C-alpha atoms as a PDB file:
ATOM      1  CA  MET A   1       8.914  18.194 -10.055  1.00  0.00           C
ATOM      2  CA  TYR A   2       5.360  16.752  -9.850  1.00  0.00           C
ATOM      3  CA  ARG A   3       6.694  13.315 -10.335  1.00  0.00           C
ATOM      4  CA  ARG A   4       9.509  13.743  -7.511  1.00  0.00           C
ATOM      5  CA  ASP A   5       7.018  14.823  -4.826  1.00  0.00           C
ATOM      6  CA  MET A   6       4.729  12.068  -5.861  1.00  0.00           C
ATOM      7  CA  VAL A   7       7.788   9.535  -5.384  1.00  0.00           C
ATOM      8  CA  ILE A   8       8.630  11.090  -1.767  1.00  0.00           C
ATOM      9  CA  ASP A   9       4.815  11.261  -0.554  1.00  0.00           C
ATOM     10  CA  GLU A  10       4.887   7.423  -1.956  1.00  0.00           C
ATOM     11  CA  MET A  11       7.670   6.348   0.264  1.00  0.00           C
ATOM     12  CA  ARG A  12       6.358   8.069   3.218  1.00  0.00           C
ATOM     13  CA  ARG A  13       3.149   6.672   3.040  1.00  0.00           C
ATOM     14  CA  MET A  14       4.958   3.152   2.844  1.00  0.00           C
ATOM     15  CA  ALA A  15       7.497   4.266   5.767  1.00  0.00           C
ATOM     16  CA  LEU A  16       4.662   4.792   7.902  1.00  0.00           C
ATOM     17  CA  ILE A  17       2.719   1.630   6.858  1.00  0.00           C
ATOM     18  CA  ILE A  18       6.192  -0.333   7.386  1.00  0.00           C
ATOM     19  CA  ALA A  19       6.853   0.919  10.956  1.00  0.00           C
ATOM     20  CA  LYS A  20       2.683   0.012  11.529  1.00  0.00           C
ATOM     21  CA  LEU A  21       3.378  -4.052  10.350  1.00  0.00           C
ATOM     22  CA  LEU A  22       6.764  -4.172  12.305  1.00  0.00           C
ATOM     23  CA  GLY A  23       5.106  -2.494  15.586  1.00  0.00           C
ATOM     24  CA  ILE A  24       2.006  -4.937  15.214  1.00  0.00           C
ATOM     25  CA  LYS A  25       4.375  -8.296  14.256  1.00  0.00           C
ATOM     26  CA  ALA A  26       6.626  -7.532  17.246  1.00  0.00           C
ATOM     27  CA  THR A  27       3.443  -6.951  19.808  1.00  0.00           C
ATOM     28  CA  GLY A  28       0.496  -8.899  17.813  1.00  0.00           C
ATOM     29  CA  THR A  29      -0.335 -12.453  16.265  1.00  0.00           C
ATOM     30  CA  ASN A  30       0.001 -13.190  12.707  1.00  0.00           C
ATOM     31  CA  LEU A  31      -3.609 -12.687  12.522  1.00  0.00           C
ATOM     32  CA  GLU A  32      -3.419  -9.595  13.503  1.00  0.00           C
ATOM     33  CA  LEU A  33      -0.635  -8.198  11.511  1.00  0.00           C
ATOM     34  CA  GLU A  34      -2.628 -10.152   8.307  1.00  0.00           C
ATOM     35  CA  GLN A  35      -6.115  -8.062   9.153  1.00  0.00           C
ATOM     36  CA  GLU A  36      -3.815  -4.778   9.548  1.00  0.00           C
ATOM     37  CA  PHE A  37      -2.190  -5.180   6.010  1.00  0.00           C
ATOM     38  CA  ASN A  38      -5.443  -6.273   4.581  1.00  0.00           C
ATOM     39  CA  ASN A  39      -6.696  -2.808   6.047  1.00  0.00           C
ATOM     40  CA  ILE A  40      -4.244  -1.082   5.096  1.00  0.00           C
ATOM     41  CA  LEU A  41      -4.501  -2.290   1.653  1.00  0.00           C
ATOM     42  CA  GLU A  42      -8.001  -1.528   1.483  1.00  0.00           C
ATOM     43  CA  SER A  43      -7.612   1.970   3.033  1.00  0.00           C
ATOM     44  CA  GLU A  44      -4.645   3.256   1.437  1.00  0.00           C
ATOM     45  CA  TYR A  45      -4.725   1.480  -1.945  1.00  0.00           C
ATOM     46  CA  ASN A  46      -8.335   0.651  -2.386  1.00  0.00           C
ATOM     47  CA  THR A  47      -7.719  -3.010  -3.226  1.00  0.00           C
ATOM     48  CA  GLU A  48      -7.001  -6.504  -2.121  1.00  0.00           C
ATOM     49  CA  LEU A  49      -4.103  -8.730  -1.596  1.00  0.00           C
ATOM     50  CA  GLU A  50      -5.768 -11.601  -4.141  1.00  0.00           C
ATOM     51  CA  LYS A  51      -6.184  -9.144  -6.800  1.00  0.00           C
ATOM     52  CA  LEU A  52      -2.909  -7.494  -6.513  1.00  0.00           C
ATOM     53  CA  LEU A  53      -1.274 -11.166  -6.697  1.00  0.00           C
ATOM     54  CA  GLY A  54      -3.481 -12.134  -9.798  1.00  0.00           C
ATOM     55  CA  LEU A  55      -2.174  -8.782 -11.803  1.00  0.00           C
ATOM     56  CA  ASN A  56       0.773  -9.352 -14.067  1.00  0.00           C
ATOM     57  CA  GLU A  57       3.425  -6.431 -14.333  1.00  0.00           C
ATOM     58  CA  GLN A  58       1.781  -3.977 -16.717  1.00  0.00           C
ATOM     59  CA  ASP A  59      -1.569  -4.322 -14.879  1.00  0.00           C
ATOM     60  CA  LEU A  60       0.143  -3.646 -11.787  1.00  0.00           C
ATOM     61  CA  ILE A  61       1.794  -0.812 -12.749  1.00  0.00           C
ATOM     62  CA  ALA A  62      -1.376   0.768 -14.514  1.00  0.00           C
ATOM     63  CA  SER A  63      -2.752  -0.017 -10.875  1.00  0.00           C
ATOM     64  CA  SER A  64      -0.377   2.087  -9.153  1.00  0.00           C
ATOM     65  CA  HIS A  65      -0.936   4.836 -11.689  1.00  0.00           C
ATOM     66  CA  GLN A  66      -4.819   4.631 -11.191  1.00  0.00           C
ATOM     67  CA  THR A  67      -4.092   4.772  -7.114  1.00  0.00           C
ATOM     68  CA  ASN A  68      -1.501   7.295  -7.414  1.00  0.00           C
ATOM     69  CA  THR A  69      -3.845   9.676  -9.430  1.00  0.00           C
ATOM     70  CA  ALA A  70      -7.147   9.241  -7.279  1.00  0.00           C
ATOM     71  CA  LEU A  71      -4.737  10.044  -4.492  1.00  0.00           C
ATOM     72  CA  LYS A  72      -3.260  13.796  -5.635  1.00  0.00           C
ATOM     73  CA  SER A  73      -7.228  14.501  -6.757  1.00  0.00           C
END
């Protein structure tokens, strides 16, 4: 049950982030979109795009679990 709740919470959060980014894409510039995306990564996930792109699959999964654990605390 706990895991299901975590997945549902993460899906809701991602849906809100996607909606926000789509709104910026429709009304703003690519630079604004990129800046907001980077801000969301920093504020919601405490990471940067370059760091995520440099991770292999196992490290990305481990990073995701650490983020989810920290958010539940």
